[in-house]
Amino acid sequence: MKWCSKLRQKTASRHPGEGRDPWPKWAPAFAGVMIERLSGRVFYLLLASSFVTAVAAAEPGATPRDAAAEAATYERCMKLARQNPGEARNLAQSWHERGGAHPADHCAAVALIGLKQYKEAAVRLEALAQAMTTAPAGLRAEVLDQAGQAWGLAGDPVRAYAAAGAAVALEPNDPDLLIDRAQAAASAGYFDKAAADLDHVLKADPSRVDALIYRASANRALDRLDPALADVEKALARTPNSAPALLERGNIRRLKGDNDGARQDWERIGQLAPGSQADMAAKANIEHLQSNGAAEPAKSRRGH
């Protein structure tokens, strides 16, 4: 089990009509699934006491501390990072001065994400991972994974991919880390690398719906429409009311020339998840479809 909080990643959707290809390739479906996977929360606090205990044991010469008290401080700091990041940053700073060490540093970096200081947060998280030289590999991998997500929020997908890759190097079979690296790869335009990571995930667990939708998006970006459609159909067979899966299938159907099928998928999203990011992307796609009438589907281009 993982010890630290999981960051909610918001991947911006490209509005249809903008950029080189008016039909979205990766972002809308991927973003929707990411938000769905994290259940709309900014952070998941998992096993705070295990984190504090493990770090305390990993710091040579550290003064013995009350693990229960430290865990309580960490939990309070992380809750504040979600609710009041400015206050969380102040708490983390004072806690660090009292010897809070790595847990305090971690909370401070997460608070910076709440304050939308994404680049500084990413730098701090990478530095924290480097400083945790004797900590378990899983702890360091989680910190690096969060650094990658922070780089993504900062608009630097290349550094996001590098940080995510460092996390996977520590835990090469962790499906969540592989999916996060796939996201970073896709954001950087490395769709083939994204597909390879998702292949790995699905080989271990063919029923994982989020990975199926992600791989469908990656294959769509690579003009592999038939395997993309096969993946999203498998996802919908398991979760027929998944808005991200319907959005993705609509994208694929449109590119295959099935305008009616695409419209049906996109309209259904409005019934299932009105006002959601997937719904906004679907509505924009429908508007684009209407404005182009019976025009041929846009040719998919690579590299974005």
Protein backbone atom coordinates (compact mmCIF):
# COMPACT_ATOMS: atom_id res chain seq x y z
CA MET A 1 0.00 0.00 0.00
CA LYS A 2 1.13 3.52 -0.64
CA TRP A 3 2.01 5.86 2.17
CA CYS A 4 1.55 9.34 0.87
CA SER A 5 -1.08 11.50 -0.72
CA LYS A 6 -2.04 11.17 -4.34
CA LEU A 7 -2.30 14.36 -6.32
CA ARG A 8 -5.26 15.09 -8.45
CA GLN A 9 -4.04 15.69 -11.97
CA LYS A 10 -6.02 18.01 -14.17
CA THR A 11 -5.08 17.52 -17.78
CA ALA A 12 -6.41 20.41 -19.86
CA SER A 13 -8.61 19.47 -22.78
CA ARG A 14 -7.79 20.97 -26.13
CA HIS A 15 -10.86 22.80 -27.35
CA PRO A 16 -12.01 21.47 -30.73
CA GLY A 17 -10.95 23.82 -33.46
CA GLU A 18 -7.73 24.85 -31.73
CA GLY A 19 -4.29 23.57 -32.64
CA ARG A 20 -3.35 21.53 -35.67
CA ASP A 21 -6.15 19.00 -35.30
CA PRO A 22 -9.64 20.08 -34.23
CA TRP A 23 -10.45 16.61 -32.93
CA PRO A 24 -9.02 15.85 -29.51
CA LYS A 25 -6.46 13.07 -29.35
CA TRP A 26 -5.58 12.32 -25.77
CA ALA A 27 -6.36 14.96 -23.22
CA PRO A 28 -10.17 14.93 -22.82
CA ALA A 29 -10.61 11.24 -22.15
CA PHE A 30 -7.42 10.98 -20.14
CA ALA A 31 -8.28 13.95 -17.96
CA GLY A 32 -11.75 12.65 -17.32
CA VAL A 33 -10.49 9.26 -16.21
CA MET A 34 -7.84 10.80 -14.00
CA ILE A 35 -10.43 12.88 -12.20
CA GLU A 36 -12.71 9.85 -11.94
CA ARG A 37 -9.87 7.70 -10.62
CA LEU A 38 -9.09 10.20 -7.87
CA SER A 39 -12.75 10.70 -7.01
CA GLY A 40 -12.66 14.47 -7.24
CA ARG A 41 -10.30 14.90 -4.27
CA VAL A 42 -7.02 16.78 -4.33
CA PHE A 43 -5.26 14.40 -1.96
CA TYR A 44 -5.59 10.89 -0.62
CA LEU A 45 -4.02 10.54 2.80
CA LEU A 46 -2.78 6.97 3.12
CA LEU A 47 -0.82 5.46 5.97
CA ALA A 48 0.62 8.66 7.42
CA SER A 49 1.88 6.87 10.50
CA SER A 50 3.73 4.33 8.37
CA PHE A 51 5.39 7.18 6.50
CA VAL A 52 6.58 8.91 9.67
CA THR A 53 7.79 5.68 11.23
CA ALA A 54 9.64 4.60 8.09
CA VAL A 55 11.33 7.97 7.65
CA ALA A 56 12.31 8.20 11.30
CA ALA A 57 13.94 4.80 11.03
CA ALA A 58 15.69 5.81 7.82
CA GLU A 59 17.33 8.95 9.22
CA PRO A 60 20.64 8.07 10.89
CA GLY A 61 21.25 9.96 14.10
CA ALA A 62 17.73 11.32 14.27
CA THR A 63 16.40 12.11 17.74
CA PRO A 64 13.70 9.61 18.72
CA ARG A 65 10.29 11.18 18.27
CA ASP A 66 6.76 10.27 19.24
CA ALA A 67 5.58 8.45 16.14
CA ALA A 68 1.89 8.86 17.00
CA ALA A 69 2.28 12.62 17.54
CA GLU A 70 4.26 12.99 14.34
CA ALA A 71 1.66 11.02 12.41
CA ALA A 72 -1.07 13.26 13.80
CA THR A 73 0.85 16.36 12.77
CA TYR A 74 1.39 14.96 9.30
CA GLU A 75 -2.30 14.15 8.92
CA ARG A 76 -3.32 17.63 10.12
CA CYS A 77 -0.82 19.27 7.79
CA MET A 78 -2.00 17.28 4.80
CA LYS A 79 -5.65 18.07 5.51
CA LEU A 80 -4.74 21.74 5.70
CA ALA A 81 -2.89 21.43 2.40
CA ARG A 82 -6.23 20.52 0.86
CA GLN A 83 -8.35 23.04 2.75
CA ASN A 84 -5.99 25.96 3.46
CA PRO A 85 -2.65 25.51 1.69
CA GLY A 86 -1.23 28.79 3.00
CA GLU A 87 -1.76 27.71 6.59
CA ALA A 88 -0.39 24.26 5.73
CA ARG A 89 2.79 25.82 4.39
CA ASN A 90 3.23 27.77 7.64
CA LEU A 91 2.61 24.66 9.73
CA ALA A 92 5.07 22.65 7.64
CA GLN A 93 7.74 25.33 8.05
CA SER A 94 7.39 25.52 11.83
CA TRP A 95 7.23 21.72 12.03
CA HIS A 96 10.43 21.45 9.99
CA GLU A 97 12.15 23.86 12.37
CA ARG A 98 11.12 21.59 15.27
CA GLY A 99 12.64 18.59 13.52
CA GLY A 100 9.76 17.45 11.33
CA ALA A 101 12.26 16.49 8.62
CA HIS A 102 10.98 14.68 5.53
CA PRO A 103 7.29 14.54 6.48
CA ALA A 104 7.29 18.30 7.03
CA ASP A 105 9.10 18.83 3.73
CA HIS A 106 6.58 16.67 1.94
CA CYS A 107 3.63 18.59 3.37
CA ALA A 108 5.28 21.89 2.45
CA ALA A 109 5.66 20.76 -1.17
CA VAL A 110 2.05 19.57 -1.33
CA ALA A 111 0.90 22.91 0.11
CA LEU A 112 2.73 24.66 -2.73
CA ILE A 113 0.66 22.66 -5.20
CA GLY A 114 -2.45 23.88 -3.43
CA LEU A 115 -1.09 27.41 -3.84
CA LYS A 116 -0.56 26.69 -7.56
CA GLN A 117 3.19 27.14 -7.23
CA TYR A 118 3.67 24.02 -9.28
CA LYS A 119 7.26 24.45 -10.44
CA GLU A 120 8.59 25.13 -6.95
CA ALA A 121 6.60 22.18 -5.65
CA ALA A 122 8.08 19.91 -8.31
CA VAL A 123 11.62 21.04 -7.52
CA ARG A 124 11.08 20.44 -3.81
CA LEU A 125 9.58 17.03 -4.34
CA GLU A 126 12.51 15.95 -6.51
CA ALA A 127 14.93 17.26 -3.89
CA LEU A 128 13.02 15.38 -1.19
CA ALA A 129 13.22 12.14 -3.15
CA GLN A 130 16.98 12.60 -3.52
CA ALA A 131 17.37 13.31 0.19
CA MET A 132 15.49 10.15 1.16
CA THR A 133 18.50 8.02 0.29
CA THR A 134 17.84 5.31 2.87
CA ALA A 135 14.05 5.31 2.67
CA PRO A 136 12.18 2.38 1.08
CA ALA A 137 12.01 2.48 -2.70
CA GLY A 138 8.24 2.74 -2.62
CA LEU A 139 8.34 5.97 -0.63
CA ARG A 140 10.85 7.57 -2.97
CA ALA A 141 8.90 6.40 -6.01
CA GLU A 142 5.71 8.05 -4.69
CA VAL A 143 7.51 11.36 -4.12
CA LEU A 144 9.00 11.26 -7.62
CA ASP A 145 5.61 10.40 -9.06
CA GLN A 146 4.13 13.44 -7.34
CA ALA A 147 6.99 15.55 -8.66
CA GLY A 148 6.07 14.38 -12.14
CA GLN A 149 2.46 15.37 -11.62
CA ALA A 150 3.56 18.78 -10.34
CA TRP A 151 5.73 19.27 -13.43
CA GLY A 152 2.71 18.40 -15.52
CA LEU A 153 0.65 21.02 -13.75
CA ALA A 154 3.50 23.47 -14.33
CA GLY A 155 3.21 22.85 -18.06
CA ASP A 156 6.50 21.00 -18.47
CA PRO A 157 5.58 17.52 -19.79
CA VAL A 158 9.18 16.60 -20.62
CA ARG A 159 10.29 17.04 -17.02
CA ALA A 160 7.09 15.34 -15.91
CA TYR A 161 8.01 12.33 -18.02
CA ALA A 162 11.55 12.28 -16.62
CA ALA A 163 10.32 12.36 -13.01
CA ALA A 164 7.68 9.72 -13.70
CA GLY A 165 10.36 7.59 -15.32
CA ALA A 166 12.54 7.87 -12.24
CA ALA A 167 9.58 6.69 -10.16
CA VAL A 168 8.97 3.70 -12.42
CA ALA A 169 12.66 2.82 -12.29
CA LEU A 170 12.27 2.30 -8.53
CA GLU A 171 8.99 0.37 -8.79
CA PRO A 172 8.87 -0.98 -12.36
CA ASN A 173 5.72 -3.07 -11.93
CA ASP A 174 3.53 -0.56 -10.10
CA PRO A 175 0.49 -0.05 -12.37
CA ASP A 176 -0.39 3.40 -11.02
CA LEU A 177 3.15 4.67 -11.60
CA LEU A 178 3.11 3.23 -15.12
CA ILE A 179 -0.19 4.93 -15.86
CA ASP A 180 1.11 8.24 -14.54
CA ARG A 181 4.18 7.90 -16.75
CA ALA A 182 1.92 7.11 -19.69
CA GLN A 183 0.03 10.33 -19.04
CA ALA A 184 3.24 12.32 -18.94
CA ALA A 185 4.44 10.61 -22.12
CA ALA A 186 1.22 11.45 -23.93
CA SER A 187 1.35 15.06 -22.75
CA ALA A 188 4.85 15.28 -24.21
CA GLY A 189 3.68 13.72 -27.48
CA TYR A 190 5.37 10.36 -26.85
CA PHE A 191 2.27 8.34 -27.66
CA ASP A 192 4.19 5.20 -28.55
CA LYS A 193 5.87 5.25 -25.13
CA ALA A 194 2.50 5.82 -23.48
CA ALA A 195 1.04 2.83 -25.29
CA ALA A 196 3.98 0.66 -24.24
CA ASP A 197 3.47 1.48 -20.56
CA LEU A 198 -0.23 0.77 -20.85
CA ASP A 199 0.52 -2.53 -22.58
CA HIS A 200 2.52 -3.47 -19.49
CA VAL A 201 -0.33 -2.55 -17.16
CA LEU A 202 -2.95 -4.41 -19.17
CA LYS A 203 -0.80 -7.50 -19.54
CA ALA A 204 -0.79 -7.78 -15.76
CA ASP A 205 -4.46 -6.79 -15.35
CA PRO A 206 -6.52 -6.94 -18.58
CA SER A 207 -9.63 -5.76 -16.73
CA ARG A 208 -8.25 -2.37 -15.72
CA VAL A 209 -10.72 0.04 -17.28
CA ASP A 210 -8.73 3.24 -16.89
CA ALA A 211 -5.74 1.72 -18.68
CA LEU A 212 -7.99 0.51 -21.50
CA ILE A 213 -9.31 4.01 -22.07
CA TYR A 214 -5.86 5.55 -21.84
CA ARG A 215 -4.48 3.08 -24.39
CA ALA A 216 -7.42 3.76 -26.68
CA SER A 217 -6.55 7.46 -26.55
CA ALA A 218 -2.88 6.77 -27.24
CA ASN A 219 -3.65 4.47 -30.16
CA ARG A 220 -6.08 7.03 -31.56
CA ALA A 221 -3.29 9.59 -31.51
CA LEU A 222 -1.14 7.11 -33.41
CA ASP A 223 -3.85 6.56 -36.05
CA ARG A 224 -4.43 3.01 -34.81
CA LEU A 225 -8.17 3.37 -34.82
CA ASP A 226 -9.18 -0.29 -34.86
CA PRO A 227 -7.23 -1.31 -31.73
CA ALA A 228 -8.29 1.96 -30.11
CA LEU A 229 -11.94 1.12 -30.70
CA ALA A 230 -11.43 -2.43 -29.44
CA ASP A 231 -10.00 -1.13 -26.15
CA VAL A 232 -12.74 1.39 -25.53
CA GLU A 233 -15.41 -1.20 -26.32
CA LYS A 234 -13.87 -3.49 -23.68
CA ALA A 235 -13.93 -0.61 -21.22
CA LEU A 236 -17.59 0.13 -21.94
CA ALA A 237 -18.49 -3.53 -21.62
CA ARG A 238 -17.30 -3.30 -18.00
CA THR A 239 -18.47 0.25 -17.23
CA PRO A 240 -21.22 1.18 -19.70
CA ASN A 241 -21.88 4.54 -18.02
CA SER A 242 -18.28 5.76 -18.05
CA ALA A 243 -18.27 9.31 -19.41
CA PRO A 244 -14.54 9.22 -20.29
CA ALA A 245 -15.01 5.97 -22.21
CA LEU A 246 -18.00 7.39 -24.10
CA LEU A 247 -16.06 10.53 -24.90
CA GLU A 248 -13.20 8.46 -26.25
CA ARG A 249 -15.44 6.19 -28.29
CA GLY A 250 -17.12 9.24 -29.77
CA ASN A 251 -13.73 10.62 -30.76
CA ILE A 252 -12.78 7.34 -32.42
CA ARG A 253 -16.14 6.94 -34.15
CA ARG A 254 -15.86 10.45 -35.56
CA LEU A 255 -12.42 9.74 -37.01
CA LYS A 256 -13.78 6.52 -38.53
CA GLY A 257 -16.56 8.50 -40.22
CA ASP A 258 -19.41 7.42 -37.92
CA ASN A 259 -20.79 10.88 -37.13
CA ASP A 260 -24.12 9.60 -35.83
CA GLY A 261 -22.45 7.18 -33.44
CA ALA A 262 -20.08 9.87 -32.23
CA ARG A 263 -22.97 12.25 -31.57
CA GLN A 264 -24.89 9.58 -29.64
CA ASP A 265 -21.91 8.93 -27.38
CA TRP A 266 -21.28 12.62 -26.75
CA GLU A 267 -24.95 13.38 -26.08
CA ARG A 268 -25.16 10.52 -23.60
CA ILE A 269 -22.35 12.08 -21.58
CA GLY A 270 -24.58 15.09 -20.99
CA GLN A 271 -27.17 12.80 -19.45
CA LEU A 272 -24.70 10.89 -17.30
CA ALA A 273 -22.33 13.64 -16.16
CA PRO A 274 -23.79 17.09 -16.90
CA GLY A 275 -21.33 19.91 -16.37
CA SER A 276 -18.32 17.63 -16.10
CA GLN A 277 -15.09 18.14 -18.02
CA ALA A 278 -16.05 15.24 -20.27
CA ASP A 279 -19.43 16.87 -20.89
CA MET A 280 -17.82 20.18 -21.84
CA ALA A 281 -15.48 18.43 -24.27
CA ALA A 282 -18.37 16.43 -25.72
CA LYS A 283 -20.51 19.54 -26.22
CA ALA A 284 -17.63 21.30 -27.95
CA ASN A 285 -17.20 18.29 -30.22
CA ILE A 286 -20.91 18.30 -31.08
CA GLU A 287 -20.74 22.02 -31.93
CA HIS A 288 -17.77 21.34 -34.18
CA LEU A 289 -19.63 18.46 -35.81
CA GLN A 290 -22.63 20.69 -36.48
CA SER A 291 -20.51 23.50 -37.88
CA ASN A 292 -18.85 21.12 -40.33
CA GLY A 293 -22.01 19.34 -41.40
CA ALA A 294 -21.23 16.23 -43.41
CA ALA A 295 -17.56 17.08 -43.82
CA GLU A 296 -15.07 14.25 -43.73
CA PRO A 297 -13.50 13.55 -40.35
CA ALA A 298 -10.30 15.44 -39.67
CA LYS A 299 -7.16 13.47 -40.37
CA SER A 300 -5.35 12.50 -37.23
CA ARG A 301 -1.87 13.97 -36.88
CA ARG A 302 0.88 12.86 -34.61
CA GLY A 303 3.17 14.85 -32.43
CA HIS A 304 0.89 16.65 -29.99
